[in-house]
Amino acid sequence: MRFLINILVSGLAIFIAAWILPSNAVTVENFWWALLAGFIIGFVNATLGTILRVFTLPLNLLTLGLVSFIITILMVMLTSAMMGDKFHVNGFWWATLFAVIVAVVEVILSSIFGTNKRS
């Protein structure tokens, strides 16, 4: 059940971030496509992102986690390329701002829905 709530929170965070940013920066067709984008971002971050983080671990330690954040941005851009017009992020800097907004909104929504607690 917690997995489904986390997917809903991610989709809602993506939908809110796309609503906050200008339409020429990030577009999401509707909430269902935002849910799918959240699932895909989570999946590629858990698979490809983890592999990249393992290979860049020394550099990640030197930059105090900045490389990990850049990998997350690249996973957002990969998801954008995979989903076409249904979810689109227009460039690296918009993806950076999008990732920051999604992270902040997810923290807020997780505290509201109580998904940040382990049981």
PDB file of N, CA and C in Angstrom:
ATOM      1  N   MET A   1       0.820  -1.195   0.000  1.00  0.00           N
ATOM      2  CA  MET A   1       0.000   0.000   0.000  1.00  0.00           C
ATOM      3  C   MET A   1       0.864   1.261   0.000  1.00  0.00           C
ATOM      4  N   ARG A   2       1.968   1.201   0.757  1.00  0.00           N
ATOM      5  CA  ARG A   2       2.865   2.354   0.844  1.00  0.00           C
ATOM      6  C   ARG A   2       3.460   2.690  -0.528  1.00  0.00           C
ATOM      7  N   PHE A   3       3.729   1.638  -1.335  1.00  0.00           N
ATOM      8  CA  PHE A   3       4.260   1.844  -2.674  1.00  0.00           C
ATOM      9  C   PHE A   3       3.291   2.654  -3.529  1.00  0.00           C
ATOM     10  N   LEU A   4       2.009   2.318  -3.470  1.00  0.00           N
ATOM     11  CA  LEU A   4       1.003   3.048  -4.247  1.00  0.00           C
ATOM     12  C   LEU A   4       0.880   4.493  -3.781  1.00  0.00           C
ATOM     13  N   ILE A   5       0.954   4.702  -2.479  1.00  0.00           N
ATOM     14  CA  ILE A   5       0.879   6.074  -1.956  1.00  0.00           C
ATOM     15  C   ILE A   5       2.099   6.870  -2.403  1.00  0.00           C
ATOM     16  N   ASN A   6       3.271   6.228  -2.399  1.00  0.00           N
ATOM     17  CA  ASN A   6       4.482   6.921  -2.865  1.00  0.00           C
ATOM     18  C   ASN A   6       4.385   7.281  -4.340  1.00  0.00           C
ATOM     19  N   ILE A   7       3.817   6.394  -5.156  1.00  0.00           N
ATOM     20  CA  ILE A   7       3.628   6.701  -6.584  1.00  0.00           C
ATOM     21  C   ILE A   7       2.650   7.857  -6.750  1.00  0.00           C
ATOM     22  N   LEU A   8       1.560   7.858  -5.982  1.00  0.00           N
ATOM     23  CA  LEU A   8       0.599   8.965  -6.048  1.00  0.00           C
ATOM     24  C   LEU A   8       1.236  10.284  -5.622  1.00  0.00           C
ATOM     25  N   VAL A   9       2.045  10.241  -4.568  1.00  0.00           N
ATOM     26  CA  VAL A   9       2.724  11.459  -4.104  1.00  0.00           C
ATOM     27  C   VAL A   9       3.697  11.961  -5.170  1.00  0.00           C
ATOM     28  N   SER A  10       4.440  11.053  -5.783  1.00  0.00           N
ATOM     29  CA  SER A  10       5.382  11.453  -6.844  1.00  0.00           C
ATOM     30  C   SER A  10       4.641  12.048  -8.040  1.00  0.00           C
ATOM     31  N   GLY A  11       3.562  11.402  -8.451  1.00  0.00           N
ATOM     32  CA  GLY A  11       2.782  11.924  -9.567  1.00  0.00           C
ATOM     33  C   GLY A  11       2.191  13.287  -9.273  1.00  0.00           C
ATOM     34  N   LEU A  12       1.672  13.457  -8.061  1.00  0.00           N
ATOM     35  CA  LEU A  12       1.124  14.755  -7.676  1.00  0.00           C
ATOM     36  C   LEU A  12       2.214  15.813  -7.620  1.00  0.00           C
ATOM     37  N   ALA A  13       3.397  15.455  -7.117  1.00  0.00           N
ATOM     38  CA  ALA A  13       4.517  16.400  -7.064  1.00  0.00           C
ATOM     39  C   ALA A  13       4.949  16.808  -8.469  1.00  0.00           C
ATOM     40  N   ILE A  14       4.989  15.859  -9.394  1.00  0.00           N
ATOM     41  CA  ILE A  14       5.345  16.171 -10.784  1.00  0.00           C
ATOM     42  C   ILE A  14       4.292  17.071 -11.411  1.00  0.00           C
ATOM     43  N   PHE A  15       3.036  16.764 -11.158  1.00  0.00           N
ATOM     44  CA  PHE A  15       1.953  17.571 -11.710  1.00  0.00           C
ATOM     45  C   PHE A  15       2.002  19.009 -11.172  1.00  0.00           C
ATOM     46  N   ILE A  16       2.259  19.161  -9.874  1.00  0.00           N
ATOM     47  CA  ILE A  16       2.342  20.492  -9.260  1.00  0.00           C
ATOM     48  C   ILE A  16       3.552  21.250  -9.790  1.00  0.00           C
ATOM     49  N   ALA A  17       4.706  20.570  -9.903  1.00  0.00           N
ATOM     50  CA  ALA A  17       5.912  21.234 -10.414  1.00  0.00           C
ATOM     51  C   ALA A  17       5.717  21.687 -11.854  1.00  0.00           C
ATOM     52  N   ALA A  18       5.053  20.867 -12.664  1.00  0.00           N
ATOM     53  CA  ALA A  18       4.781  21.257 -14.051  1.00  0.00           C
ATOM     54  C   ALA A  18       3.810  22.424 -14.101  1.00  0.00           C
ATOM     55  N   TRP A  19       2.905  22.504 -13.141  1.00  0.00           N
ATOM     56  CA  TRP A  19       1.951  23.609 -13.090  1.00  0.00           C
ATOM     57  C   TRP A  19       2.658  24.904 -12.664  1.00  0.00           C
ATOM     58  N   ILE A  20       3.624  24.795 -11.756  1.00  0.00           N
ATOM     59  CA  ILE A  20       4.358  25.971 -11.268  1.00  0.00           C
ATOM     60  C   ILE A  20       5.258  26.551 -12.347  1.00  0.00           C
ATOM     61  N   LEU A  21       5.958  25.686 -13.076  1.00  0.00           N
ATOM     62  CA  LEU A  21       6.906  26.147 -14.094  1.00  0.00           C
ATOM     63  C   LEU A  21       6.174  26.580 -15.360  1.00  0.00           C
ATOM     64  N   PRO A  22       6.791  27.457 -16.150  1.00  0.00           N
ATOM     65  CA  PRO A  22       6.141  27.910 -17.395  1.00  0.00           C
ATOM     66  C   PRO A  22       5.904  26.747 -18.363  1.00  0.00           C
ATOM     67  N   SER A  23       4.909  26.920 -19.204  1.00  0.00           N
ATOM     68  CA  SER A  23       4.534  25.837 -20.123  1.00  0.00           C
ATOM     69  C   SER A  23       5.590  25.578 -21.191  1.00  0.00           C
ATOM     70  N   ASN A  24       6.478  26.527 -21.443  1.00  0.00           N
ATOM     71  CA  ASN A  24       7.551  26.265 -22.401  1.00  0.00           C
ATOM     72  C   ASN A  24       8.725  25.534 -21.743  1.00  0.00           C
ATOM     73  N   ALA A  25       8.686  25.361 -20.414  1.00  0.00           N
ATOM     74  CA  ALA A  25       9.761  24.673 -19.698  1.00  0.00           C
ATOM     75  C   ALA A  25       9.417  23.208 -19.462  1.00  0.00           C
ATOM     76  N   VAL A  26       8.261  22.956 -18.862  1.00  0.00           N
ATOM     77  CA  VAL A  26       7.835  21.590 -18.536  1.00  0.00           C
ATOM     78  C   VAL A  26       6.363  21.453 -18.885  1.00  0.00           C
ATOM     79  N   THR A  27       6.044  20.386 -19.592  1.00  0.00           N
ATOM     80  CA  THR A  27       4.643  20.110 -19.900  1.00  0.00           C
ATOM     81  C   THR A  27       4.302  18.683 -19.503  1.00  0.00           C
ATOM     82  N   VAL A  28       3.119  18.529 -18.926  1.00  0.00           N
ATOM     83  CA  VAL A  28       2.562  17.217 -18.607  1.00  0.00           C
ATOM     84  C   VAL A  28       1.135  17.224 -19.140  1.00  0.00           C
ATOM     85  N   GLU A  29       0.793  16.191 -19.889  1.00  0.00           N
ATOM     86  CA  GLU A  29      -0.520  16.121 -20.527  1.00  0.00           C
ATOM     87  C   GLU A  29      -1.654  16.198 -19.506  1.00  0.00           C
ATOM     88  N   ASN A  30      -1.610  15.337 -18.483  1.00  0.00           N
ATOM     89  CA  ASN A  30      -2.598  15.345 -17.406  1.00  0.00           C
ATOM     90  C   ASN A  30      -2.039  14.590 -16.202  1.00  0.00           C
ATOM     91  N   PHE A  31      -2.865  14.416 -15.184  1.00  0.00           N
ATOM     92  CA  PHE A  31      -2.391  13.790 -13.950  1.00  0.00           C
ATOM     93  C   PHE A  31      -1.951  12.347 -14.163  1.00  0.00           C
ATOM     94  N   TRP A  32      -2.634  11.606 -15.039  1.00  0.00           N
ATOM     95  CA  TRP A  32      -2.285  10.210 -15.269  1.00  0.00           C
ATOM     96  C   TRP A  32      -0.911  10.086 -15.916  1.00  0.00           C
ATOM     97  N   TRP A  33      -0.595  10.994 -16.812  1.00  0.00           N
ATOM     98  CA  TRP A  33       0.737  10.990 -17.418  1.00  0.00           C
ATOM     99  C   TRP A  33       1.784  11.414 -16.393  1.00  0.00           C
ATOM    100  N   ALA A  34       1.402  12.278 -15.448  1.00  0.00           N
ATOM    101  CA  ALA A  34       2.320  12.646 -14.361  1.00  0.00           C
ATOM    102  C   ALA A  34       2.601  11.438 -13.476  1.00  0.00           C
ATOM    103  N   LEU A  35       1.570  10.619 -13.216  1.00  0.00           N
ATOM    104  CA  LEU A  35       1.776   9.381 -12.452  1.00  0.00           C
ATOM    105  C   LEU A  35       2.734   8.444 -13.178  1.00  0.00           C
ATOM    106  N   LEU A  36       2.528   8.290 -14.476  1.00  0.00           N
ATOM    107  CA  LEU A  36       3.418   7.432 -15.258  1.00  0.00           C
ATOM    108  C   LEU A  36       4.837   7.993 -15.270  1.00  0.00           C
ATOM    109  N   ALA A  37       4.964   9.300 -15.408  1.00  0.00           N
ATOM    110  CA  ALA A  37       6.291   9.927 -15.379  1.00  0.00           C
ATOM    111  C   ALA A  37       6.962   9.685 -14.033  1.00  0.00           C
ATOM    112  N   GLY A  38       6.214   9.793 -12.951  1.00  0.00           N
ATOM    113  CA  GLY A  38       6.763   9.529 -11.623  1.00  0.00           C
ATOM    114  C   GLY A  38       7.240   8.097 -11.483  1.00  0.00           C
ATOM    115  N   PHE A  39       6.458   7.167 -12.018  1.00  0.00           N
ATOM    116  CA  PHE A  39       6.849   5.762 -11.975  1.00  0.00           C
ATOM    117  C   PHE A  39       8.107   5.530 -12.802  1.00  0.00           C
ATOM    118  N   ILE A  40       8.160   6.090 -14.001  1.00  0.00           N
ATOM    119  CA  ILE A  40       9.322   5.892 -14.877  1.00  0.00           C
ATOM    120  C   ILE A  40      10.567   6.546 -14.284  1.00  0.00           C
ATOM    121  N   ILE A  41      10.429   7.766 -13.754  1.00  0.00           N
ATOM    122  CA  ILE A  41      11.579   8.422 -13.127  1.00  0.00           C
ATOM    123  C   ILE A  41      12.086   7.581 -11.961  1.00  0.00           C
ATOM    124  N   GLY A  42      11.182   7.086 -11.149  1.00  0.00           N
ATOM    125  CA  GLY A  42      11.579   6.232 -10.035  1.00  0.00           C
ATOM    126  C   GLY A  42      12.268   4.959 -10.502  1.00  0.00           C
ATOM    127  N   PHE A  43      11.741   4.362 -11.569  1.00  0.00           N
ATOM    128  CA  PHE A  43      12.315   3.121 -12.083  1.00  0.00           C
ATOM    129  C   PHE A  43      13.711   3.338 -12.664  1.00  0.00           C
ATOM    130  N   VAL A  44      13.861   4.346 -13.530  1.00  0.00           N
ATOM    131  CA  VAL A  44      15.184   4.567 -14.134  1.00  0.00           C
ATOM    132  C   VAL A  44      16.182   5.070 -13.086  1.00  0.00           C
ATOM    133  N   ASN A  45      15.702   5.799 -12.092  1.00  0.00           N
ATOM    134  CA  ASN A  45      16.585   6.240 -11.021  1.00  0.00           C
ATOM    135  C   ASN A  45      17.038   5.054 -10.181  1.00  0.00           C
ATOM    136  N   ALA A  46      16.152   4.089  -9.957  1.00  0.00           N
ATOM    137  CA  ALA A  46      16.499   2.920  -9.149  1.00  0.00           C
ATOM    138  C   ALA A  46      17.390   1.942  -9.906  1.00  0.00           C
ATOM    139  N   THR A  47      17.292   1.895 -11.225  1.00  0.00           N
ATOM    140  CA  THR A  47      18.089   0.938 -11.991  1.00  0.00           C
ATOM    141  C   THR A  47      19.333   1.613 -12.570  1.00  0.00           C
ATOM    142  N   LEU A  48      19.152   2.384 -13.592  1.00  0.00           N
ATOM    143  CA  LEU A  48      20.274   3.037 -14.261  1.00  0.00           C
ATOM    144  C   LEU A  48      20.957   4.053 -13.342  1.00  0.00           C
ATOM    145  N   GLY A  49      20.170   4.783 -12.580  1.00  0.00           N
ATOM    146  CA  GLY A  49      20.733   5.777 -11.663  1.00  0.00           C
ATOM    147  C   GLY A  49      21.622   5.150 -10.609  1.00  0.00           C
ATOM    148  N   THR A  50      21.205   3.998 -10.092  1.00  0.00           N
ATOM    149  CA  THR A  50      22.017   3.312  -9.086  1.00  0.00           C
ATOM    150  C   THR A  50      23.337   2.842  -9.677  1.00  0.00           C
ATOM    151  N   ILE A  51      23.289   2.304 -10.877  1.00  0.00           N
ATOM    152  CA  ILE A  51      24.516   1.854 -11.546  1.00  0.00           C
ATOM    153  C   ILE A  51      25.453   3.038 -11.757  1.00  0.00           C
ATOM    154  N   LEU A  52      24.932   4.157 -12.232  1.00  0.00           N
ATOM    155  CA  LEU A  52      25.767   5.345 -12.440  1.00  0.00           C
ATOM    156  C   LEU A  52      26.333   5.871 -11.128  1.00  0.00           C
ATOM    157  N   ARG A  53      25.549   5.818 -10.055  1.00  0.00           N
ATOM    158  CA  ARG A  53      26.037   6.293  -8.755  1.00  0.00           C
ATOM    159  C   ARG A  53      27.170   5.419  -8.220  1.00  0.00           C
ATOM    160  N   VAL A  54      27.089   4.127  -8.472  1.00  0.00           N
ATOM    161  CA  VAL A  54      28.163   3.229  -8.035  1.00  0.00           C
ATOM    162  C   VAL A  54      29.452   3.553  -8.783  1.00  0.00           C
ATOM    163  N   PHE A  55      29.351   3.765 -10.099  1.00  0.00           N
ATOM    164  CA  PHE A  55      30.545   4.065 -10.886  1.00  0.00           C
ATOM    165  C   PHE A  55      31.134   5.443 -10.576  1.00  0.00           C
ATOM    166  N   THR A  56      30.301   6.373 -10.154  1.00  0.00           N
ATOM    167  CA  THR A  56      30.782   7.736  -9.878  1.00  0.00           C
ATOM    168  C   THR A  56      30.938   8.005  -8.388  1.00  0.00           C
ATOM    169  N   LEU A  57      30.986   6.959  -7.573  1.00  0.00           N
ATOM    170  CA  LEU A  57      31.064   7.134  -6.120  1.00  0.00           C
ATOM    171  C   LEU A  57      32.249   7.994  -5.669  1.00  0.00           C
ATOM    172  N   PRO A  58      33.469   7.775  -6.148  1.00  0.00           N
ATOM    173  CA  PRO A  58      34.564   8.639  -5.690  1.00  0.00           C
ATOM    174  C   PRO A  58      34.341  10.113  -6.044  1.00  0.00           C
ATOM    175  N   LEU A  59      33.877  10.352  -7.255  1.00  0.00           N
ATOM    176  CA  LEU A  59      33.598  11.729  -7.664  1.00  0.00           C
ATOM    177  C   LEU A  59      32.435  12.308  -6.869  1.00  0.00           C
ATOM    178  N   ASN A  60      31.456  11.480  -6.550  1.00  0.00           N
ATOM    179  CA  ASN A  60      30.306  11.901  -5.759  1.00  0.00           C
ATOM    180  C   ASN A  60      30.744  12.301  -4.349  1.00  0.00           C
ATOM    181  N   LEU A  61      31.676  11.554  -3.777  1.00  0.00           N
ATOM    182  CA  LEU A  61      32.199  11.911  -2.454  1.00  0.00           C
ATOM    183  C   LEU A  61      32.966  13.223  -2.498  1.00  0.00           C
ATOM    184  N   LEU A  62      33.738  13.431  -3.566  1.00  0.00           N
ATOM    185  CA  LEU A  62      34.501  14.678  -3.704  1.00  0.00           C
ATOM    186  C   LEU A  62      33.600  15.902  -3.852  1.00  0.00           C
ATOM    187  N   THR A  63      32.492  15.730  -4.546  1.00  0.00           N
ATOM    188  CA  THR A  63      31.586  16.863  -4.796  1.00  0.00           C
ATOM    189  C   THR A  63      30.452  16.949  -3.786  1.00  0.00           C
ATOM    190  N   LEU A  64      30.526  16.132  -2.730  1.00  0.00           N
ATOM    191  CA  LEU A  64      29.533  16.140  -1.653  1.00  0.00           C
ATOM    192  C   LEU A  64      28.105  15.893  -2.149  1.00  0.00           C
ATOM    193  N   GLY A  65      27.950  14.967  -3.098  1.00  0.00           N
ATOM    194  CA  GLY A  65      26.643  14.557  -3.571  1.00  0.00           C
ATOM    195  C   GLY A  65      26.127  15.289  -4.793  1.00  0.00           C
ATOM    196  N   LEU A  66      26.890  16.223  -5.321  1.00  0.00           N
ATOM    197  CA  LEU A  66      26.431  16.979  -6.491  1.00  0.00           C
ATOM    198  C   LEU A  66      26.265  16.065  -7.708  1.00  0.00           C
ATOM    199  N   VAL A  67      27.149  15.097  -7.856  1.00  0.00           N
ATOM    200  CA  VAL A  67      27.055  14.173  -8.991  1.00  0.00           C
ATOM    201  C   VAL A  67      25.761  13.364  -8.910  1.00  0.00           C
ATOM    202  N   SER A  68      25.364  12.989  -7.719  1.00  0.00           N
ATOM    203  CA  SER A  68      24.116  12.253  -7.538  1.00  0.00           C
ATOM    204  C   SER A  68      22.916  13.090  -7.985  1.00  0.00           C
ATOM    205  N   PHE A  69      22.950  14.373  -7.669  1.00  0.00           N
ATOM    206  CA  PHE A  69      21.876  15.273  -8.099  1.00  0.00           C
ATOM    207  C   PHE A  69      21.869  15.417  -9.621  1.00  0.00           C
ATOM    208  N   ILE A  70      23.032  15.508 -10.229  1.00  0.00           N
ATOM    209  CA  ILE A  70      23.116  15.613 -11.692  1.00  0.00           C
ATOM    210  C   ILE A  70      22.603  14.333 -12.338  1.00  0.00           C
ATOM    211  N   ILE A  71      22.873  13.182 -11.733  1.00  0.00           N
ATOM    212  CA  ILE A  71      22.347  11.917 -12.264  1.00  0.00           C
ATOM    213  C   ILE A  71      20.824  11.924 -12.202  1.00  0.00           C
ATOM    214  N   THR A  72      20.257  12.436 -11.123  1.00  0.00           N
ATOM    215  CA  THR A  72      18.797  12.531 -11.018  1.00  0.00           C
ATOM    216  C   THR A  72      18.237  13.433 -12.121  1.00  0.00           C
ATOM    217  N   ILE A  73      18.903  14.539 -12.384  1.00  0.00           N
ATOM    218  CA  ILE A  73      18.472  15.445 -13.461  1.00  0.00           C
ATOM    219  C   ILE A  73      18.525  14.723 -14.810  1.00  0.00           C
ATOM    220  N   LEU A  74      19.570  13.966 -15.029  1.00  0.00           N
ATOM    221  CA  LEU A  74      19.683  13.214 -16.279  1.00  0.00           C
ATOM    222  C   LEU A  74      18.595  12.152 -16.391  1.00  0.00           C
ATOM    223  N   MET A  75      18.176  11.573 -15.279  1.00  0.00           N
ATOM    224  CA  MET A  75      17.083  10.590 -15.303  1.00  0.00           C
ATOM    225  C   MET A  75      15.751  11.271 -15.651  1.00  0.00           C
ATOM    226  N   VAL A  76      15.564  12.510 -15.194  1.00  0.00           N
ATOM    227  CA  VAL A  76      14.374  13.280 -15.560  1.00  0.00           C
ATOM    228  C   VAL A  76      14.395  13.556 -17.063  1.00  0.00           C
ATOM    229  N   MET A  77      15.560  13.922 -17.589  1.00  0.00           N
ATOM    230  CA  MET A  77      15.666  14.196 -19.020  1.00  0.00           C
ATOM    231  C   MET A  77      15.474  12.919 -19.847  1.00  0.00           C
ATOM    232  N   LEU A  78      15.955  11.782 -19.337  1.00  0.00           N
ATOM    233  CA  LEU A  78      15.739  10.508 -20.029  1.00  0.00           C
ATOM    234  C   LEU A  78      14.259  10.159 -20.073  1.00  0.00           C
ATOM    235  N   THR A  79      13.574  10.369 -18.964  1.00  0.00           N
ATOM    236  CA  THR A  79      12.127  10.120 -18.921  1.00  0.00           C
ATOM    237  C   THR A  79      11.404  11.030 -19.899  1.00  0.00           C
ATOM    238  N   SER A  80      11.826  12.286 -19.973  1.00  0.00           N
ATOM    239  CA  SER A  80      11.235  13.223 -20.925  1.00  0.00           C
ATOM    240  C   SER A  80      11.427  12.735 -22.356  1.00  0.00           C
ATOM    241  N   ALA A  81      12.596  12.224 -22.661  1.00  0.00           N
ATOM    242  CA  ALA A  81      12.855  11.716 -24.012  1.00  0.00           C
ATOM    243  C   ALA A  81      12.028  10.466 -24.300  1.00  0.00           C
ATOM    244  N   MET A  82      11.797   9.646 -23.284  1.00  0.00           N
ATOM    245  CA  MET A  82      11.033   8.413 -23.480  1.00  0.00           C
ATOM    246  C   MET A  82       9.541   8.679 -23.659  1.00  0.00           C
ATOM    247  N   MET A  83       9.013   9.717 -22.992  1.00  0.00           N
ATOM    248  CA  MET A  83       7.562   9.940 -23.005  1.00  0.00           C
ATOM    249  C   MET A  83       7.094  10.893 -24.088  1.00  0.00           C
ATOM    250  N   GLY A  84       7.991  11.527 -24.789  1.00  0.00           N
ATOM    251  CA  GLY A  84       7.598  12.403 -25.887  1.00  0.00           C
ATOM    252  C   GLY A  84       6.833  13.627 -25.431  1.00  0.00           C
ATOM    253  N   ASP A  85       5.676  13.890 -26.066  1.00  0.00           N
ATOM    254  CA  ASP A  85       4.900  15.097 -25.765  1.00  0.00           C
ATOM    255  C   ASP A  85       4.046  14.975 -24.513  1.00  0.00           C
ATOM    256  N   LYS A  86       3.869  13.792 -23.990  1.00  0.00           N
ATOM    257  CA  LYS A  86       3.022  13.609 -22.799  1.00  0.00           C
ATOM    258  C   LYS A  86       3.687  14.170 -21.550  1.00  0.00           C
ATOM    259  N   PHE A  87       5.006  14.077 -21.475  1.00  0.00           N
ATOM    260  CA  PHE A  87       5.808  14.676 -20.411  1.00  0.00           C
ATOM    261  C   PHE A  87       7.090  15.164 -21.059  1.00  0.00           C
ATOM    262  N   HIS A  88       7.299  16.477 -21.039  1.00  0.00           N
ATOM    263  CA  HIS A  88       8.468  17.033 -21.717  1.00  0.00           C
ATOM    264  C   HIS A  88       9.120  18.099 -20.852  1.00  0.00           C
ATOM    265  N   VAL A  89      10.441  17.987 -20.712  1.00  0.00           N
ATOM    266  CA  VAL A  89      11.239  18.992 -20.018  1.00  0.00           C
ATOM    267  C   VAL A  89      12.177  19.595 -21.043  1.00  0.00           C
ATOM    268  N   ASN A  90      12.198  20.919 -21.128  1.00  0.00           N
ATOM    269  CA  ASN A  90      12.924  21.622 -22.176  1.00  0.00           C
ATOM    270  C   ASN A  90      14.321  22.026 -21.715  1.00  0.00           C
ATOM    271  N   GLY A  91      15.237  21.081 -21.637  1.00  0.00           N
ATOM    272  CA  GLY A  91      16.627  21.398 -21.377  1.00  0.00           C
ATOM    273  C   GLY A  91      17.088  21.085 -19.965  1.00  0.00           C
ATOM    274  N   PHE A  92      18.421  21.136 -19.804  1.00  0.00           N
ATOM    275  CA  PHE A  92      19.066  20.760 -18.553  1.00  0.00           C
ATOM    276  C   PHE A  92      18.688  21.686 -17.400  1.00  0.00           C
ATOM    277  N   TRP A  93      18.687  22.989 -17.628  1.00  0.00           N
ATOM    278  CA  TRP A  93      18.427  23.928 -16.524  1.00  0.00           C
ATOM    279  C   TRP A  93      16.973  23.873 -16.069  1.00  0.00           C
ATOM    280  N   TRP A  94      16.050  23.662 -16.999  1.00  0.00           N
ATOM    281  CA  TRP A  94      14.658  23.487 -16.592  1.00  0.00           C
ATOM    282  C   TRP A  94      14.488  22.167 -15.849  1.00  0.00           C
ATOM    283  N   ALA A  95      15.225  21.146 -16.260  1.00  0.00           N
ATOM    284  CA  ALA A  95      15.173  19.867 -15.547  1.00  0.00           C
ATOM    285  C   ALA A  95      15.736  20.012 -14.134  1.00  0.00           C
ATOM    286  N   THR A  96      16.757  20.856 -13.987  1.00  0.00           N
ATOM    287  CA  THR A  96      17.323  21.120 -12.668  1.00  0.00           C
ATOM    288  C   THR A  96      16.294  21.780 -11.760  1.00  0.00           C
ATOM    289  N   LEU A  97      15.677  22.835 -12.248  1.00  0.00           N
ATOM    290  CA  LEU A  97      14.660  23.533 -11.464  1.00  0.00           C
ATOM    291  C   LEU A  97      13.471  22.614 -11.192  1.00  0.00           C
ATOM    292  N   PHE A  98      13.086  21.831 -12.170  1.00  0.00           N
ATOM    293  CA  PHE A  98      11.997  20.875 -12.006  1.00  0.00           C
ATOM    294  C   PHE A  98      12.321  19.864 -10.911  1.00  0.00           C
ATOM    295  N   ALA A  99      13.536  19.319 -10.909  1.00  0.00           N
ATOM    296  CA  ALA A  99      13.933  18.330  -9.901  1.00  0.00           C
ATOM    297  C   ALA A  99      13.925  18.932  -8.498  1.00  0.00           C
ATOM    298  N   VAL A 100      14.363  20.181  -8.375  1.00  0.00           N
ATOM    299  CA  VAL A 100      14.355  20.842  -7.066  1.00  0.00           C
ATOM    300  C   VAL A 100      12.925  21.036  -6.577  1.00  0.00           C
ATOM    301  N   ILE A 101      12.057  21.512  -7.456  1.00  0.00           N
ATOM    302  CA  ILE A 101      10.662  21.752  -7.065  1.00  0.00           C
ATOM    303  C   ILE A 101       9.975  20.433  -6.718  1.00  0.00           C
ATOM    304  N   VAL A 102      10.204  19.394  -7.508  1.00  0.00           N
ATOM    305  CA  VAL A 102       9.603  18.092  -7.219  1.00  0.00           C
ATOM    306  C   VAL A 102      10.079  17.575  -5.862  1.00  0.00           C
ATOM    307  N   ALA A 103      11.356  17.735  -5.570  1.00  0.00           N
ATOM    308  CA  ALA A 103      11.885  17.263  -4.283  1.00  0.00           C
ATOM    309  C   ALA A 103      11.232  17.998  -3.115  1.00  0.00           C
ATOM    310  N   VAL A 104      11.088  19.310  -3.232  1.00  0.00           N
ATOM    311  CA  VAL A 104      10.473  20.095  -2.159  1.00  0.00           C
ATOM    312  C   VAL A 104       9.005  19.723  -1.998  1.00  0.00           C
ATOM    313  N   VAL A 105       8.285  19.609  -3.099  1.00  0.00           N
ATOM    314  CA  VAL A 105       6.866  19.269  -3.043  1.00  0.00           C
ATOM    315  C   VAL A 105       6.677  17.844  -2.499  1.00  0.00           C
ATOM    316  N   GLU A 106       7.562  16.915  -2.871  1.00  0.00           N
ATOM    317  CA  GLU A 106       7.461  15.555  -2.340  1.00  0.00           C
ATOM    318  C   GLU A 106       7.686  15.517  -0.838  1.00  0.00           C
ATOM    319  N   VAL A 107       8.603  16.325  -0.336  1.00  0.00           N
ATOM    320  CA  VAL A 107       8.823  16.376   1.117  1.00  0.00           C
ATOM    321  C   VAL A 107       7.573  16.890   1.820  1.00  0.00           C
ATOM    322  N   ILE A 108       6.979  17.937   1.267  1.00  0.00           N
ATOM    323  CA  ILE A 108       5.766  18.509   1.866  1.00  0.00           C
ATOM    324  C   ILE A 108       4.616  17.502   1.813  1.00  0.00           C
ATOM    325  N   LEU A 109       4.396  16.892   0.650  1.00  0.00           N
ATOM    326  CA  LEU A 109       3.300  15.933   0.504  1.00  0.00           C
ATOM    327  C   LEU A 109       3.536  14.673   1.343  1.00  0.00           C
ATOM    328  N   SER A 110       4.779  14.230   1.433  1.00  0.00           N
ATOM    329  CA  SER A 110       5.073  13.052   2.254  1.00  0.00           C
ATOM    330  C   SER A 110       4.804  13.316   3.726  1.00  0.00           C
ATOM    331  N   SER A 111       5.083  14.537   4.170  1.00  0.00           N
ATOM    332  CA  SER A 111       4.792  14.845   5.568  1.00  0.00           C
ATOM    333  C   SER A 111       3.280  14.954   5.799  1.00  0.00           C
ATOM    334  N   ILE A 112       2.544  15.401   4.798  1.00  0.00           N
ATOM    335  CA  ILE A 112       1.085  15.488   4.924  1.00  0.00           C
ATOM    336  C   ILE A 112       0.457  14.097   4.932  1.00  0.00           C
ATOM    337  N   PHE A 113       0.882  13.239   3.989  1.00  0.00           N
ATOM    338  CA  PHE A 113       0.288  11.907   3.856  1.00  0.00           C
ATOM    339  C   PHE A 113       0.958  10.867   4.733  1.00  0.00           C
ATOM    340  N   GLY A 114       2.041  11.227   5.399  1.00  0.00           N
ATOM    341  CA  GLY A 114       2.692  10.308   6.318  1.00  0.00           C
ATOM    342  C   GLY A 114       3.442   9.179   5.657  1.00  0.00           C
ATOM    343  N   THR A 115       3.944   9.399   4.443  1.00  0.00           N
ATOM    344  CA  THR A 115       4.661   8.332   3.740  1.00  0.00           C
ATOM    345  C   THR A 115       6.141   8.322   4.078  1.00  0.00           C
ATOM    346  N   ASN A 116       6.611   9.251   4.880  1.00  0.00           N
ATOM    347  CA  ASN A 116       8.030   9.290   5.207  1.00  0.00           C
ATOM    348  C   ASN A 116       8.358   8.454   6.440  1.00  0.00           C
ATOM    349  N   LYS A 117       7.369   7.831   7.059  1.00  0.00           N
ATOM    350  CA  LYS A 117       7.581   7.004   8.243  1.00  0.00           C
ATOM    351  C   LYS A 117       7.748   5.549   7.841  1.00  0.00           C
ATOM    352  N   ARG A 118       8.673   4.870   8.480  1.00  0.00           N
ATOM    353  CA  ARG A 118       8.870   3.440   8.241  1.00  0.00           C
ATOM    354  C   ARG A 118       8.087   2.664   9.290  1.00  0.00           C
ATOM    355  N   SER A 119       7.412   1.616   8.865  1.00  0.00           N
ATOM    356  CA  SER A 119       6.691   0.781   9.824  1.00  0.00           C
ATOM    357  C   SER A 119       6.874  -0.678   9.513  1.00  0.00           C
TER     358      SER A 119
END
